[in-house]
N, C-alpha and C. Protein backbone atom coordinates (compact mmCIF):
# COMPACT_ATOMS: atom_id res chain seq x y z
N LEU A 1 0.86 -1.18 0.00
CA LEU A 1 0.00 0.00 0.00
C LEU A 1 0.89 1.23 0.00
N GLN A 2 0.88 1.98 -1.08
CA GLN A 2 1.70 3.16 -1.21
C GLN A 2 0.85 4.39 -0.95
N LEU A 3 1.33 5.26 -0.07
CA LEU A 3 0.65 6.51 0.24
C LEU A 3 1.49 7.66 -0.25
N VAL A 4 0.84 8.67 -0.78
CA VAL A 4 1.54 9.82 -1.32
C VAL A 4 0.93 11.09 -0.74
N GLU A 5 1.76 11.86 -0.02
CA GLU A 5 1.32 13.13 0.53
C GLU A 5 1.65 14.27 -0.43
N SER A 6 0.86 15.30 -0.38
CA SER A 6 1.13 16.51 -1.15
C SER A 6 0.49 17.69 -0.45
N GLY A 7 0.87 18.89 -0.88
CA GLY A 7 0.25 20.10 -0.35
C GLY A 7 1.10 20.88 0.63
N GLY A 8 2.26 20.36 0.97
CA GLY A 8 3.12 21.10 1.88
C GLY A 8 3.72 22.32 1.21
N GLY A 9 4.40 23.12 2.02
CA GLY A 9 5.05 24.30 1.48
C GLY A 9 5.41 25.29 2.56
N LEU A 10 5.75 26.49 2.13
CA LEU A 10 6.11 27.58 3.02
C LEU A 10 4.91 28.52 3.17
N VAL A 11 4.56 28.82 4.39
CA VAL A 11 3.41 29.71 4.64
C VAL A 11 3.74 30.61 5.81
N GLN A 12 3.18 31.79 5.81
CA GLN A 12 3.39 32.72 6.91
C GLN A 12 2.54 32.33 8.12
N PRO A 13 2.98 32.72 9.30
CA PRO A 13 2.14 32.47 10.49
C PRO A 13 0.74 33.04 10.29
N GLY A 14 -0.24 32.24 10.71
CA GLY A 14 -1.63 32.63 10.51
C GLY A 14 -2.22 32.14 9.21
N GLY A 15 -1.39 31.62 8.34
CA GLY A 15 -1.85 31.15 7.05
C GLY A 15 -2.43 29.74 7.11
N SER A 16 -2.79 29.24 5.93
CA SER A 16 -3.43 27.93 5.82
C SER A 16 -2.77 27.08 4.74
N LEU A 17 -2.85 25.80 4.92
CA LEU A 17 -2.44 24.81 3.93
C LEU A 17 -3.42 23.64 4.01
N ARG A 18 -3.58 22.97 2.88
CA ARG A 18 -4.33 21.72 2.88
C ARG A 18 -3.45 20.60 2.37
N LEU A 19 -3.22 19.62 3.21
CA LEU A 19 -2.45 18.45 2.82
C LEU A 19 -3.39 17.37 2.29
N SER A 20 -2.88 16.61 1.35
CA SER A 20 -3.62 15.49 0.79
C SER A 20 -2.83 14.21 0.94
N CYS A 21 -3.54 13.13 1.14
CA CYS A 21 -2.95 11.80 1.23
C CYS A 21 -3.72 10.91 0.27
N ALA A 22 -3.03 10.41 -0.74
CA ALA A 22 -3.67 9.57 -1.75
C ALA A 22 -2.97 8.22 -1.85
N ALA A 23 -3.70 7.27 -2.38
CA ALA A 23 -3.16 5.93 -2.61
C ALA A 23 -3.41 5.58 -4.07
N PRO A 24 -2.41 5.75 -4.91
CA PRO A 24 -2.62 5.62 -6.35
C PRO A 24 -3.09 4.23 -6.79
N ARG A 25 -2.71 3.19 -6.04
CA ARG A 25 -3.00 1.84 -6.52
C ARG A 25 -3.86 1.03 -5.57
N PHE A 26 -4.35 1.65 -4.49
CA PHE A 26 -5.16 0.91 -3.53
C PHE A 26 -6.34 1.76 -3.12
N THR A 27 -7.38 1.10 -2.67
CA THR A 27 -8.51 1.83 -2.14
C THR A 27 -8.33 2.01 -0.64
N LEU A 28 -8.61 3.21 -0.17
CA LEU A 28 -8.42 3.53 1.24
C LEU A 28 -9.67 3.29 2.07
N ASP A 29 -10.73 2.82 1.45
CA ASP A 29 -12.02 2.71 2.13
C ASP A 29 -11.96 1.90 3.43
N ASP A 30 -11.11 0.89 3.45
CA ASP A 30 -11.10 -0.02 4.60
C ASP A 30 -10.07 0.36 5.66
N TYR A 31 -9.46 1.53 5.50
CA TYR A 31 -8.36 1.89 6.39
C TYR A 31 -8.66 3.16 7.19
N ASP A 32 -8.28 3.11 8.47
CA ASP A 32 -8.15 4.36 9.21
C ASP A 32 -6.93 5.09 8.66
N ILE A 33 -7.01 6.40 8.61
CA ILE A 33 -5.88 7.20 8.13
C ILE A 33 -5.47 8.19 9.20
N GLY A 34 -4.17 8.27 9.41
CA GLY A 34 -3.65 9.20 10.41
C GLY A 34 -2.65 10.16 9.79
N TRP A 35 -2.57 11.34 10.37
CA TRP A 35 -1.53 12.30 10.04
C TRP A 35 -0.59 12.43 11.23
N PHE A 36 0.69 12.38 10.94
CA PHE A 36 1.73 12.50 11.96
C PHE A 36 2.71 13.58 11.49
N ARG A 37 3.50 14.07 12.41
CA ARG A 37 4.51 15.04 12.02
C ARG A 37 5.77 14.85 12.85
N GLN A 38 6.87 15.26 12.26
CA GLN A 38 8.15 15.20 12.97
C GLN A 38 8.94 16.45 12.67
N ALA A 39 9.24 17.18 13.72
CA ALA A 39 10.05 18.39 13.60
C ALA A 39 11.50 18.03 13.85
N PRO A 40 12.43 18.83 13.36
CA PRO A 40 13.86 18.54 13.57
C PRO A 40 14.20 18.39 15.05
N GLY A 41 14.87 17.32 15.38
CA GLY A 41 15.28 17.11 16.76
C GLY A 41 14.20 16.64 17.70
N LYS A 42 13.01 16.39 17.15
CA LYS A 42 11.90 15.96 17.99
C LYS A 42 11.38 14.61 17.54
N GLU A 43 10.66 13.96 18.42
CA GLU A 43 10.05 12.68 18.07
C GLU A 43 8.81 12.90 17.22
N ARG A 44 8.48 11.88 16.46
CA ARG A 44 7.26 11.94 15.67
C ARG A 44 6.05 11.97 16.59
N GLU A 45 5.07 12.79 16.23
CA GLU A 45 3.87 12.89 17.05
C GLU A 45 2.63 12.73 16.18
N ALA A 46 1.59 12.20 16.78
CA ALA A 46 0.32 12.07 16.08
C ALA A 46 -0.38 13.42 16.05
N VAL A 47 -0.93 13.74 14.91
CA VAL A 47 -1.63 15.02 14.73
C VAL A 47 -3.14 14.81 14.71
N SER A 48 -3.57 13.86 13.87
CA SER A 48 -5.00 13.65 13.71
C SER A 48 -5.22 12.31 13.05
N CYS A 49 -6.41 11.75 13.23
CA CYS A 49 -6.74 10.53 12.52
C CYS A 49 -8.24 10.48 12.25
N ILE A 50 -8.60 9.68 11.28
CA ILE A 50 -9.99 9.54 10.89
C ILE A 50 -10.27 8.08 10.62
N SER A 51 -11.43 7.63 11.06
CA SER A 51 -11.80 6.23 10.87
C SER A 51 -12.10 5.94 9.40
N SER A 52 -12.14 4.66 9.07
CA SER A 52 -12.39 4.26 7.69
C SER A 52 -13.73 4.78 7.19
N THR A 53 -14.70 4.87 8.08
CA THR A 53 -16.03 5.35 7.69
C THR A 53 -16.14 6.86 7.75
N GLY A 54 -15.14 7.50 8.35
CA GLY A 54 -15.14 8.95 8.43
C GLY A 54 -15.95 9.53 9.57
N ASP A 55 -16.54 8.68 10.40
CA ASP A 55 -17.41 9.21 11.44
C ASP A 55 -16.70 9.45 12.76
N ILE A 56 -15.45 9.03 12.87
CA ILE A 56 -14.69 9.26 14.09
C ILE A 56 -13.39 9.97 13.73
N THR A 57 -13.16 11.09 14.39
CA THR A 57 -11.92 11.84 14.19
C THR A 57 -11.30 12.17 15.54
N ASN A 58 -10.00 12.29 15.54
CA ASN A 58 -9.27 12.66 16.75
C ASN A 58 -8.19 13.67 16.39
N TYR A 59 -7.88 14.53 17.36
CA TYR A 59 -6.87 15.56 17.14
C TYR A 59 -5.97 15.67 18.36
N ALA A 60 -4.72 15.99 18.10
CA ALA A 60 -3.82 16.36 19.19
C ALA A 60 -4.29 17.69 19.78
N ASP A 61 -4.07 17.86 21.07
CA ASP A 61 -4.51 19.09 21.73
C ASP A 61 -3.90 20.33 21.06
N SER A 62 -2.69 20.18 20.56
CA SER A 62 -1.98 21.32 19.99
C SER A 62 -2.60 21.84 18.70
N VAL A 63 -3.46 21.03 18.05
CA VAL A 63 -4.03 21.45 16.77
C VAL A 63 -5.55 21.55 16.81
N LYS A 64 -6.16 21.19 17.92
CA LYS A 64 -7.62 21.25 18.02
C LYS A 64 -8.12 22.66 17.75
N GLY A 65 -9.15 22.73 16.94
CA GLY A 65 -9.73 24.02 16.59
C GLY A 65 -9.04 24.72 15.44
N ARG A 66 -7.89 24.20 15.03
CA ARG A 66 -7.15 24.81 13.91
C ARG A 66 -7.06 23.86 12.70
N PHE A 67 -6.96 22.57 12.96
CA PHE A 67 -6.82 21.58 11.89
C PHE A 67 -8.12 20.79 11.76
N ALA A 68 -8.39 20.34 10.55
CA ALA A 68 -9.56 19.51 10.30
C ALA A 68 -9.20 18.40 9.33
N ILE A 69 -9.50 17.17 9.73
CA ILE A 69 -9.24 16.02 8.88
C ILE A 69 -10.55 15.59 8.22
N SER A 70 -10.44 15.16 6.98
CA SER A 70 -11.63 14.69 6.26
C SER A 70 -11.19 13.68 5.22
N ARG A 71 -12.16 12.95 4.70
CA ARG A 71 -11.83 11.99 3.65
C ARG A 71 -12.90 12.01 2.58
N ASP A 72 -12.46 11.78 1.38
CA ASP A 72 -13.36 11.66 0.23
C ASP A 72 -13.05 10.31 -0.39
N ASN A 73 -13.82 9.31 -0.02
CA ASN A 73 -13.55 7.96 -0.51
C ASN A 73 -13.77 7.84 -2.02
N ALA A 74 -14.60 8.68 -2.56
CA ALA A 74 -14.80 8.65 -4.01
C ALA A 74 -13.53 9.07 -4.74
N LYS A 75 -12.75 9.96 -4.09
CA LYS A 75 -11.48 10.40 -4.67
C LYS A 75 -10.30 9.65 -4.08
N ASN A 76 -10.62 8.73 -3.15
CA ASN A 76 -9.55 7.92 -2.54
C ASN A 76 -8.48 8.81 -1.91
N THR A 77 -8.93 9.84 -1.23
CA THR A 77 -8.01 10.84 -0.69
C THR A 77 -8.45 11.28 0.70
N VAL A 78 -7.47 11.50 1.55
CA VAL A 78 -7.73 12.06 2.87
C VAL A 78 -7.04 13.42 2.94
N TYR A 79 -7.70 14.38 3.58
CA TYR A 79 -7.19 15.74 3.65
C TYR A 79 -6.92 16.16 5.08
N LEU A 80 -5.97 17.07 5.23
CA LEU A 80 -5.75 17.72 6.51
C LEU A 80 -5.73 19.22 6.22
N GLN A 81 -6.81 19.88 6.58
CA GLN A 81 -6.89 21.33 6.44
C GLN A 81 -6.26 21.97 7.66
N MET A 82 -5.26 22.79 7.43
CA MET A 82 -4.51 23.40 8.53
C MET A 82 -4.69 24.91 8.46
N ASN A 83 -5.31 25.47 9.47
CA ASN A 83 -5.55 26.91 9.54
C ASN A 83 -4.80 27.51 10.72
N SER A 84 -4.67 28.82 10.71
CA SER A 84 -4.02 29.55 11.81
C SER A 84 -2.67 28.91 12.14
N LEU A 85 -1.90 28.65 11.14
CA LEU A 85 -0.63 27.95 11.34
C LEU A 85 0.35 28.77 12.16
N LYS A 86 1.12 28.07 12.96
CA LYS A 86 2.10 28.66 13.85
C LYS A 86 3.49 28.14 13.49
N PRO A 87 4.52 28.88 13.84
CA PRO A 87 5.88 28.38 13.58
C PRO A 87 6.13 27.00 14.17
N GLU A 88 5.52 26.70 15.29
CA GLU A 88 5.73 25.39 15.91
C GLU A 88 5.03 24.25 15.17
N ASP A 89 4.25 24.58 14.13
CA ASP A 89 3.68 23.55 13.28
C ASP A 89 4.66 23.09 12.21
N THR A 90 5.79 23.75 12.11
CA THR A 90 6.79 23.38 11.13
C THR A 90 7.29 21.96 11.38
N ALA A 91 7.22 21.14 10.36
CA ALA A 91 7.60 19.73 10.48
C ALA A 91 7.42 19.04 9.14
N ILE A 92 7.89 17.82 9.06
CA ILE A 92 7.53 16.95 7.95
C ILE A 92 6.25 16.23 8.37
N TYR A 93 5.26 16.29 7.52
CA TYR A 93 3.97 15.67 7.80
C TYR A 93 3.85 14.37 7.00
N TYR A 94 3.46 13.33 7.70
CA TYR A 94 3.30 12.02 7.09
C TYR A 94 1.85 11.54 7.26
N CYS A 95 1.35 10.85 6.26
CA CYS A 95 0.09 10.14 6.47
C CYS A 95 0.40 8.65 6.58
N ALA A 96 -0.47 7.97 7.29
CA ALA A 96 -0.30 6.55 7.53
C ALA A 96 -1.67 5.87 7.50
N ALA A 97 -1.65 4.58 7.21
CA ALA A 97 -2.90 3.81 7.13
C ALA A 97 -2.80 2.57 8.01
N ARG A 98 -3.93 2.17 8.54
CA ARG A 98 -3.99 0.94 9.31
C ARG A 98 -5.33 0.27 9.09
N ALA A 99 -5.26 -1.07 9.06
CA ALA A 99 -6.49 -1.86 9.00
C ALA A 99 -6.81 -2.44 10.36
N GLY A 100 -5.81 -2.46 11.23
CA GLY A 100 -5.99 -2.99 12.58
C GLY A 100 -5.52 -1.98 13.60
N VAL A 101 -4.58 -2.38 14.43
CA VAL A 101 -4.09 -1.52 15.51
C VAL A 101 -2.85 -0.74 15.07
N GLU A 102 -1.98 -1.39 14.34
CA GLU A 102 -0.71 -0.78 13.98
C GLU A 102 -0.82 0.06 12.70
N TRP A 103 -0.05 1.18 12.71
CA TRP A 103 0.06 2.00 11.50
C TRP A 103 1.14 1.37 10.63
N ASN A 104 0.70 0.54 9.69
CA ASN A 104 1.65 -0.28 8.94
C ASN A 104 2.12 0.37 7.64
N TYR A 105 1.38 1.33 7.14
CA TYR A 105 1.69 1.89 5.83
C TYR A 105 1.90 3.40 5.96
N TRP A 106 3.01 3.85 5.38
CA TRP A 106 3.41 5.25 5.54
C TRP A 106 3.75 5.87 4.19
N GLY A 107 3.50 7.16 4.10
CA GLY A 107 3.94 7.93 2.95
C GLY A 107 5.36 8.44 3.16
N GLN A 108 5.83 9.18 2.17
CA GLN A 108 7.21 9.67 2.21
C GLN A 108 7.32 11.01 2.93
N GLY A 109 6.21 11.65 3.18
CA GLY A 109 6.20 12.91 3.92
C GLY A 109 6.19 14.13 3.02
N THR A 110 5.66 15.22 3.58
CA THR A 110 5.67 16.50 2.89
C THR A 110 6.05 17.58 3.89
N GLN A 111 6.93 18.48 3.48
CA GLN A 111 7.46 19.50 4.39
C GLN A 111 6.48 20.66 4.52
N VAL A 112 6.23 21.04 5.76
CA VAL A 112 5.45 22.24 6.05
C VAL A 112 6.34 23.18 6.85
N THR A 113 6.51 24.39 6.35
CA THR A 113 7.32 25.38 7.03
C THR A 113 6.48 26.63 7.26
N VAL A 114 6.39 27.03 8.51
CA VAL A 114 5.63 28.23 8.87
C VAL A 114 6.62 29.28 9.35
N SER A 115 6.78 30.30 8.56
CA SER A 115 7.79 31.31 8.86
C SER A 115 7.45 32.60 8.15
N SER A 116 7.83 33.70 8.79
CA SER A 116 7.65 35.00 8.16
C SER A 116 8.92 35.42 7.42
C-alpha cells in the first residue's frame, strides 16, 4: 500500500495549507488514516486521525480548533486542512494507514514550514 502526501510548502504564520494523502494503486475505504509530524530534533507525534467510515476523528490538543481532517472515498483521498498555522507547526507531515491496531503503511512525507 503506497501513500503519497502533497500540499506542503512555506506559509506565513496565521496562514493555511491543505495536505492530501492519496493511494494511487489501492482503495483507502477499509483503512483508518492518520496524520503525523516530525520536527527537527523531535520525536514523531500524532496530529490527527480519521476512521475508515469517516465518522470518528481525533486531534492532538496542539491542533484542536485549527486543523480539520476529512476523507473523500470517491477520490480515494484524505485531507488535513490546517488553519491559523504557527511556527511550531513546522515539520515533515506524514500520512499513515492501518487496517488494525498498527500504522503499517506510511507515505514519504511533505514538508510544512511556517515562517515570516
